[in-house]
Amino acid sequence: MNTTTTMGATLAGSGEASLTNDSFQLDVAGVPGNKPGLIVLGANQLNGGLGNPVGDGLLCVGGQTARSQVQASAAGFTTFADFQGQPFGASSYGPGVPTNYQYWYRDTANTCSGSGFNFSNAWTTTWLP
């Protein structure tokens, strides 16, 4: 749940997660418009995939983590598509290793905890060579 939708932000992957012929992207829907956000990637799923409470949501990725550059959402959507550069693609965990992604975003109006941020669901993909 966030200030835009009762379902909260949803993260989904599409395309081919291949380190040599990458067409993979992560799409985020249901976020407040014109708010900053970023992708957090992690080697592990926290709490067996159930996550741990942080801010107004659940942080579901952990272990060795990295984050993308910040980008603003537009009309409740945003897409991350550059998985060949840092911190994604070949620079993350390599082929055959599950990689976990989650979207962190600003949500400042009427938040439950007053923290001003929230998370999407997590998405796991296994990169191919």
N, C-alpha and C. Protein backbone atom coordinates (compact mmCIF):
# COMPACT_ATOMS: atom_id res chain seq x y z
N MET A 1 0.84 -1.19 0.00
CA MET A 1 0.00 0.00 0.00
C MET A 1 0.88 1.24 0.00
N ASN A 2 0.50 2.23 -0.80
CA ASN A 2 1.20 3.51 -0.78
C ASN A 2 0.19 4.62 -1.05
N THR A 3 0.67 5.84 -1.22
CA THR A 3 -0.25 6.96 -1.40
C THR A 3 -0.89 7.00 -2.79
N THR A 4 -0.48 6.11 -3.69
CA THR A 4 -1.03 6.06 -5.03
C THR A 4 -2.04 4.94 -5.20
N THR A 5 -1.77 3.78 -4.60
CA THR A 5 -2.61 2.60 -4.81
C THR A 5 -2.63 1.72 -3.57
N THR A 6 -3.74 1.04 -3.34
CA THR A 6 -3.83 0.13 -2.20
C THR A 6 -3.01 -1.13 -2.42
N MET A 7 -2.65 -1.42 -3.66
CA MET A 7 -1.83 -2.59 -3.96
C MET A 7 -0.34 -2.32 -3.75
N GLY A 8 0.07 -1.07 -3.69
CA GLY A 8 1.48 -0.73 -3.57
C GLY A 8 2.19 -0.86 -4.90
N ALA A 9 3.49 -0.66 -4.86
CA ALA A 9 4.30 -0.75 -6.07
C ALA A 9 4.55 -2.20 -6.44
N THR A 10 4.49 -2.50 -7.74
CA THR A 10 4.77 -3.86 -8.20
C THR A 10 5.96 -3.83 -9.16
N LEU A 11 6.85 -4.78 -8.96
CA LEU A 11 8.05 -4.93 -9.77
C LEU A 11 7.94 -6.22 -10.55
N ALA A 12 8.24 -6.18 -11.85
CA ALA A 12 8.20 -7.38 -12.68
C ALA A 12 9.32 -7.30 -13.71
N GLY A 13 9.92 -8.44 -14.00
CA GLY A 13 10.96 -8.52 -15.00
C GLY A 13 10.41 -9.06 -16.31
N SER A 14 11.06 -8.66 -17.41
CA SER A 14 10.69 -9.18 -18.73
C SER A 14 11.93 -9.21 -19.61
N GLY A 15 11.85 -9.95 -20.70
CA GLY A 15 12.97 -10.06 -21.62
C GLY A 15 13.91 -11.18 -21.20
N GLU A 16 15.03 -11.30 -21.92
CA GLU A 16 15.99 -12.36 -21.68
C GLU A 16 17.13 -11.86 -20.78
N ALA A 17 17.31 -12.53 -19.66
CA ALA A 17 18.38 -12.19 -18.73
C ALA A 17 19.64 -12.93 -19.13
N SER A 18 20.29 -12.44 -20.17
CA SER A 18 21.51 -13.05 -20.70
C SER A 18 22.64 -12.04 -20.62
N LEU A 19 23.80 -12.47 -20.12
CA LEU A 19 24.92 -11.55 -19.99
C LEU A 19 25.50 -11.15 -21.34
N THR A 20 25.28 -11.94 -22.39
CA THR A 20 25.82 -11.60 -23.71
C THR A 20 24.80 -10.97 -24.64
N ASN A 21 23.52 -11.30 -24.49
CA ASN A 21 22.48 -10.78 -25.37
C ASN A 21 21.33 -10.27 -24.51
N ASP A 22 21.58 -9.25 -23.74
CA ASP A 22 20.66 -8.79 -22.71
C ASP A 22 19.49 -7.98 -23.28
N SER A 23 18.27 -8.45 -23.03
CA SER A 23 17.08 -7.66 -23.32
C SER A 23 16.22 -7.55 -22.07
N PHE A 24 16.78 -7.91 -20.92
CA PHE A 24 16.05 -7.91 -19.65
C PHE A 24 15.78 -6.49 -19.18
N GLN A 25 14.61 -6.30 -18.59
CA GLN A 25 14.30 -5.03 -17.95
C GLN A 25 13.40 -5.27 -16.75
N LEU A 26 13.45 -4.35 -15.82
CA LEU A 26 12.56 -4.37 -14.66
C LEU A 26 11.61 -3.20 -14.79
N ASP A 27 10.31 -3.50 -14.71
CA ASP A 27 9.26 -2.49 -14.80
C ASP A 27 8.59 -2.34 -13.45
N VAL A 28 8.37 -1.10 -13.06
CA VAL A 28 7.72 -0.80 -11.78
C VAL A 28 6.45 -0.03 -12.07
N ALA A 29 5.35 -0.45 -11.46
CA ALA A 29 4.06 0.22 -11.62
C ALA A 29 3.48 0.52 -10.23
N GLY A 30 2.58 1.48 -10.18
CA GLY A 30 1.88 1.79 -8.93
C GLY A 30 2.68 2.60 -7.95
N VAL A 31 3.55 3.48 -8.46
CA VAL A 31 4.34 4.35 -7.57
C VAL A 31 3.87 5.79 -7.73
N PRO A 32 4.06 6.61 -6.70
CA PRO A 32 3.70 8.02 -6.84
C PRO A 32 4.47 8.66 -7.99
N GLY A 33 3.82 9.53 -8.75
CA GLY A 33 4.45 10.17 -9.89
C GLY A 33 5.54 11.16 -9.50
N ASN A 34 6.55 11.25 -10.33
CA ASN A 34 7.66 12.19 -10.18
C ASN A 34 8.35 12.07 -8.82
N LYS A 35 8.56 10.84 -8.37
CA LYS A 35 9.28 10.59 -7.12
C LYS A 35 10.53 9.79 -7.42
N PRO A 36 11.62 10.04 -6.68
CA PRO A 36 12.84 9.28 -6.92
C PRO A 36 12.72 7.84 -6.42
N GLY A 37 13.42 6.96 -7.12
CA GLY A 37 13.48 5.56 -6.72
C GLY A 37 14.71 4.90 -7.30
N LEU A 38 15.02 3.71 -6.82
CA LEU A 38 16.17 2.98 -7.30
C LEU A 38 15.95 1.49 -7.10
N ILE A 39 16.74 0.70 -7.82
CA ILE A 39 16.71 -0.75 -7.67
C ILE A 39 17.81 -1.17 -6.71
N VAL A 40 17.46 -2.00 -5.75
CA VAL A 40 18.43 -2.63 -4.86
C VAL A 40 18.55 -4.08 -5.31
N LEU A 41 19.78 -4.55 -5.51
CA LEU A 41 19.94 -5.95 -5.83
C LEU A 41 20.69 -6.61 -4.69
N GLY A 42 20.37 -7.86 -4.45
CA GLY A 42 21.01 -8.58 -3.36
C GLY A 42 21.17 -10.05 -3.66
N ALA A 43 22.15 -10.65 -3.02
CA ALA A 43 22.44 -12.07 -3.21
C ALA A 43 21.44 -12.96 -2.50
N ASN A 44 20.80 -12.45 -1.46
CA ASN A 44 19.93 -13.28 -0.62
C ASN A 44 18.52 -12.70 -0.53
N GLN A 45 17.58 -13.58 -0.18
CA GLN A 45 16.24 -13.17 0.19
C GLN A 45 16.20 -13.13 1.72
N LEU A 46 15.78 -12.01 2.29
CA LEU A 46 15.74 -11.87 3.74
C LEU A 46 14.55 -12.59 4.35
N ASN A 47 14.76 -13.18 5.49
CA ASN A 47 13.70 -13.82 6.26
C ASN A 47 12.95 -14.86 5.42
N GLY A 48 13.70 -15.67 4.67
CA GLY A 48 13.08 -16.70 3.85
C GLY A 48 12.22 -16.16 2.73
N GLY A 49 12.47 -14.93 2.30
CA GLY A 49 11.69 -14.30 1.23
C GLY A 49 10.54 -13.46 1.75
N LEU A 50 10.30 -13.48 3.05
CA LEU A 50 9.20 -12.69 3.63
C LEU A 50 9.60 -11.25 3.91
N GLY A 51 10.91 -10.99 3.99
CA GLY A 51 11.40 -9.64 4.21
C GLY A 51 11.39 -9.23 5.67
N ASN A 52 11.97 -8.06 5.91
CA ASN A 52 12.00 -7.45 7.24
C ASN A 52 11.39 -6.06 7.16
N PRO A 53 10.59 -5.66 8.17
CA PRO A 53 9.98 -4.33 8.14
C PRO A 53 11.04 -3.23 8.14
N VAL A 54 10.93 -2.32 7.15
CA VAL A 54 11.79 -1.14 7.05
C VAL A 54 10.94 -0.03 6.45
N GLY A 55 10.93 1.13 7.06
CA GLY A 55 10.10 2.23 6.55
C GLY A 55 8.64 1.82 6.54
N ASP A 56 7.97 2.01 5.40
CA ASP A 56 6.56 1.63 5.26
C ASP A 56 6.39 0.29 4.56
N GLY A 57 7.47 -0.46 4.41
CA GLY A 57 7.35 -1.72 3.67
C GLY A 57 8.22 -2.81 4.24
N LEU A 58 8.57 -3.75 3.37
CA LEU A 58 9.41 -4.88 3.73
C LEU A 58 10.63 -4.90 2.83
N LEU A 59 11.82 -4.90 3.43
CA LEU A 59 13.04 -5.06 2.68
C LEU A 59 13.25 -6.55 2.50
N CYS A 60 13.27 -7.01 1.25
CA CYS A 60 13.30 -8.45 0.96
C CYS A 60 14.63 -8.94 0.43
N VAL A 61 15.56 -8.04 0.07
CA VAL A 61 16.86 -8.45 -0.48
C VAL A 61 17.97 -8.07 0.47
N GLY A 62 18.98 -8.92 0.55
CA GLY A 62 20.10 -8.65 1.45
C GLY A 62 21.34 -9.39 1.00
N GLY A 63 22.24 -9.57 1.94
CA GLY A 63 23.52 -10.18 1.61
C GLY A 63 24.40 -9.15 0.96
N GLN A 64 25.16 -9.55 -0.02
CA GLN A 64 25.99 -8.63 -0.79
C GLN A 64 25.05 -7.80 -1.66
N THR A 65 24.92 -6.51 -1.37
CA THR A 65 23.95 -5.67 -2.08
C THR A 65 24.64 -4.58 -2.90
N ALA A 66 23.90 -4.05 -3.85
CA ALA A 66 24.30 -2.90 -4.65
C ALA A 66 23.02 -2.17 -5.03
N ARG A 67 23.16 -0.98 -5.57
CA ARG A 67 21.98 -0.22 -5.98
C ARG A 67 22.23 0.46 -7.31
N SER A 68 21.13 0.72 -8.01
CA SER A 68 21.19 1.42 -9.29
C SER A 68 21.29 2.92 -9.06
N GLN A 69 21.39 3.65 -10.15
CA GLN A 69 21.27 5.10 -10.09
C GLN A 69 19.82 5.46 -9.77
N VAL A 70 19.61 6.59 -9.17
CA VAL A 70 18.27 7.08 -8.85
C VAL A 70 17.63 7.61 -10.13
N GLN A 71 16.35 7.29 -10.32
CA GLN A 71 15.59 7.89 -11.41
C GLN A 71 14.18 8.16 -10.94
N ALA A 72 13.54 9.16 -11.52
CA ALA A 72 12.19 9.55 -11.13
C ALA A 72 11.15 8.74 -11.89
N SER A 73 10.05 8.47 -11.23
CA SER A 73 8.92 7.81 -11.88
C SER A 73 8.13 8.86 -12.67
N ALA A 74 7.40 8.39 -13.67
CA ALA A 74 6.54 9.27 -14.46
C ALA A 74 5.18 8.60 -14.58
N ALA A 75 4.14 9.31 -14.19
CA ALA A 75 2.77 8.79 -14.27
C ALA A 75 2.63 7.43 -13.59
N GLY A 76 3.36 7.22 -12.49
CA GLY A 76 3.23 6.00 -11.71
C GLY A 76 4.03 4.81 -12.21
N PHE A 77 4.90 5.02 -13.21
CA PHE A 77 5.69 3.92 -13.79
C PHE A 77 7.15 4.33 -13.92
N THR A 78 8.02 3.33 -13.94
CA THR A 78 9.43 3.53 -14.29
C THR A 78 10.01 2.20 -14.75
N THR A 79 11.04 2.27 -15.59
CA THR A 79 11.68 1.07 -16.14
C THR A 79 13.19 1.17 -15.99
N PHE A 80 13.80 0.07 -15.60
CA PHE A 80 15.26 -0.03 -15.52
C PHE A 80 15.68 -1.05 -16.57
N ALA A 81 16.53 -0.64 -17.52
CA ALA A 81 16.85 -1.52 -18.64
C ALA A 81 18.34 -1.71 -18.89
N ASP A 82 19.23 -1.01 -18.22
CA ASP A 82 20.66 -1.15 -18.47
C ASP A 82 21.27 -2.15 -17.49
N PHE A 83 21.26 -3.41 -17.87
CA PHE A 83 21.78 -4.44 -16.98
C PHE A 83 23.16 -4.94 -17.38
N GLN A 84 23.84 -4.22 -18.26
CA GLN A 84 25.21 -4.57 -18.61
C GLN A 84 26.21 -3.76 -17.81
N GLY A 85 25.81 -2.59 -17.33
CA GLY A 85 26.72 -1.73 -16.58
C GLY A 85 26.65 -1.96 -15.09
N GLN A 86 27.38 -1.17 -14.35
CA GLN A 86 27.39 -1.26 -12.89
C GLN A 86 26.03 -0.84 -12.35
N PRO A 87 25.48 -1.40 -11.30
CA PRO A 87 25.97 -2.58 -10.57
C PRO A 87 25.38 -3.88 -11.08
N PHE A 88 24.77 -3.87 -12.28
CA PHE A 88 24.04 -5.03 -12.76
C PHE A 88 24.85 -5.90 -13.70
N GLY A 89 24.17 -6.89 -14.27
CA GLY A 89 24.76 -7.74 -15.30
C GLY A 89 25.97 -8.51 -14.84
N ALA A 90 26.98 -8.54 -15.67
CA ALA A 90 28.19 -9.33 -15.39
C ALA A 90 28.87 -8.88 -14.11
N SER A 91 28.63 -7.65 -13.68
CA SER A 91 29.28 -7.16 -12.47
C SER A 91 28.56 -7.60 -11.20
N SER A 92 27.40 -8.25 -11.33
CA SER A 92 26.69 -8.68 -10.12
C SER A 92 27.19 -10.05 -9.69
N TYR A 93 26.40 -11.10 -9.84
CA TYR A 93 26.77 -12.39 -9.27
C TYR A 93 27.13 -13.44 -10.30
N GLY A 94 26.96 -13.15 -11.59
CA GLY A 94 27.38 -14.06 -12.64
C GLY A 94 26.30 -15.00 -13.12
N PRO A 95 26.60 -15.74 -14.20
CA PRO A 95 25.61 -16.64 -14.80
C PRO A 95 25.27 -17.81 -13.88
N GLY A 96 24.00 -18.19 -13.89
CA GLY A 96 23.55 -19.33 -13.10
C GLY A 96 23.26 -19.04 -11.64
N VAL A 97 23.49 -17.81 -11.21
CA VAL A 97 23.28 -17.45 -9.82
C VAL A 97 22.02 -16.60 -9.69
N PRO A 98 21.05 -17.00 -8.86
CA PRO A 98 19.85 -16.18 -8.68
C PRO A 98 20.22 -14.80 -8.13
N THR A 99 19.64 -13.77 -8.72
CA THR A 99 19.86 -12.40 -8.27
C THR A 99 18.50 -11.81 -7.92
N ASN A 100 18.43 -11.17 -6.77
CA ASN A 100 17.17 -10.63 -6.24
C ASN A 100 17.16 -9.11 -6.40
N TYR A 101 16.04 -8.59 -6.88
CA TYR A 101 15.89 -7.16 -7.12
C TYR A 101 14.66 -6.64 -6.36
N GLN A 102 14.74 -5.39 -5.92
CA GLN A 102 13.61 -4.74 -5.27
C GLN A 102 13.71 -3.25 -5.53
N TYR A 103 12.55 -2.61 -5.64
CA TYR A 103 12.49 -1.17 -5.91
C TYR A 103 12.23 -0.42 -4.61
N TRP A 104 13.08 0.55 -4.30
CA TRP A 104 12.91 1.48 -3.18
C TRP A 104 12.45 2.80 -3.76
N TYR A 105 11.47 3.44 -3.11
CA TYR A 105 10.99 4.72 -3.65
C TYR A 105 10.50 5.65 -2.54
N ARG A 106 10.57 6.96 -2.84
CA ARG A 106 10.06 7.99 -1.97
C ARG A 106 8.54 7.99 -2.01
N ASP A 107 7.93 8.10 -0.85
CA ASP A 107 6.47 8.20 -0.73
C ASP A 107 6.20 9.02 0.52
N THR A 108 6.14 10.33 0.38
CA THR A 108 6.15 11.22 1.54
C THR A 108 4.78 11.59 2.10
N ALA A 109 3.72 11.45 1.34
CA ALA A 109 2.40 11.90 1.80
C ALA A 109 1.67 10.79 2.56
N ASN A 110 1.22 11.08 3.75
CA ASN A 110 0.38 10.17 4.54
C ASN A 110 0.95 8.77 4.71
N THR A 111 2.21 8.67 5.04
CA THR A 111 2.80 7.34 5.22
C THR A 111 2.45 6.79 6.59
N CYS A 112 2.43 5.47 6.70
CA CYS A 112 2.06 4.81 7.96
C CYS A 112 3.06 5.09 9.07
N SER A 113 4.35 4.98 8.76
CA SER A 113 5.37 5.12 9.79
C SER A 113 5.97 6.52 9.85
N GLY A 114 5.68 7.34 8.85
CA GLY A 114 6.28 8.66 8.79
C GLY A 114 7.69 8.64 8.23
N SER A 115 8.14 7.50 7.73
CA SER A 115 9.51 7.37 7.22
C SER A 115 9.68 8.03 5.85
N GLY A 116 8.62 8.10 5.05
CA GLY A 116 8.70 8.75 3.75
C GLY A 116 9.22 7.89 2.62
N PHE A 117 9.32 6.57 2.84
CA PHE A 117 9.74 5.68 1.75
C PHE A 117 9.10 4.32 1.89
N ASN A 118 9.14 3.56 0.78
CA ASN A 118 8.51 2.26 0.74
C ASN A 118 9.27 1.37 -0.25
N PHE A 119 8.85 0.12 -0.36
CA PHE A 119 9.46 -0.85 -1.26
C PHE A 119 8.39 -1.55 -2.09
N SER A 120 8.80 -2.02 -3.26
CA SER A 120 7.95 -2.89 -4.06
C SER A 120 8.13 -4.32 -3.57
N ASN A 121 7.47 -5.24 -4.24
CA ASN A 121 7.77 -6.65 -4.05
C ASN A 121 9.19 -6.91 -4.58
N ALA A 122 9.73 -8.07 -4.30
CA ALA A 122 11.04 -8.45 -4.84
C ALA A 122 10.85 -9.32 -6.08
N TRP A 123 11.87 -9.34 -6.94
CA TRP A 123 11.86 -10.14 -8.16
C TRP A 123 13.20 -10.86 -8.26
N THR A 124 13.15 -12.16 -8.49
CA THR A 124 14.37 -12.96 -8.62
C THR A 124 14.51 -13.44 -10.05
N THR A 125 15.71 -13.32 -10.59
CA THR A 125 16.02 -13.86 -11.91
C THR A 125 17.38 -14.53 -11.86
N THR A 126 17.55 -15.53 -12.71
CA THR A 126 18.85 -16.20 -12.84
C THR A 126 19.42 -15.85 -14.19
N TRP A 127 20.57 -15.19 -14.18
CA TRP A 127 21.20 -14.75 -15.42
C TRP A 127 21.81 -15.91 -16.17
N LEU A 128 21.66 -15.87 -17.49
CA LEU A 128 22.24 -16.86 -18.38
C LEU A 128 23.57 -16.34 -18.92
N PRO A 129 24.44 -17.24 -19.41
CA PRO A 129 25.70 -16.76 -19.98
C PRO A 129 25.47 -15.87 -21.19
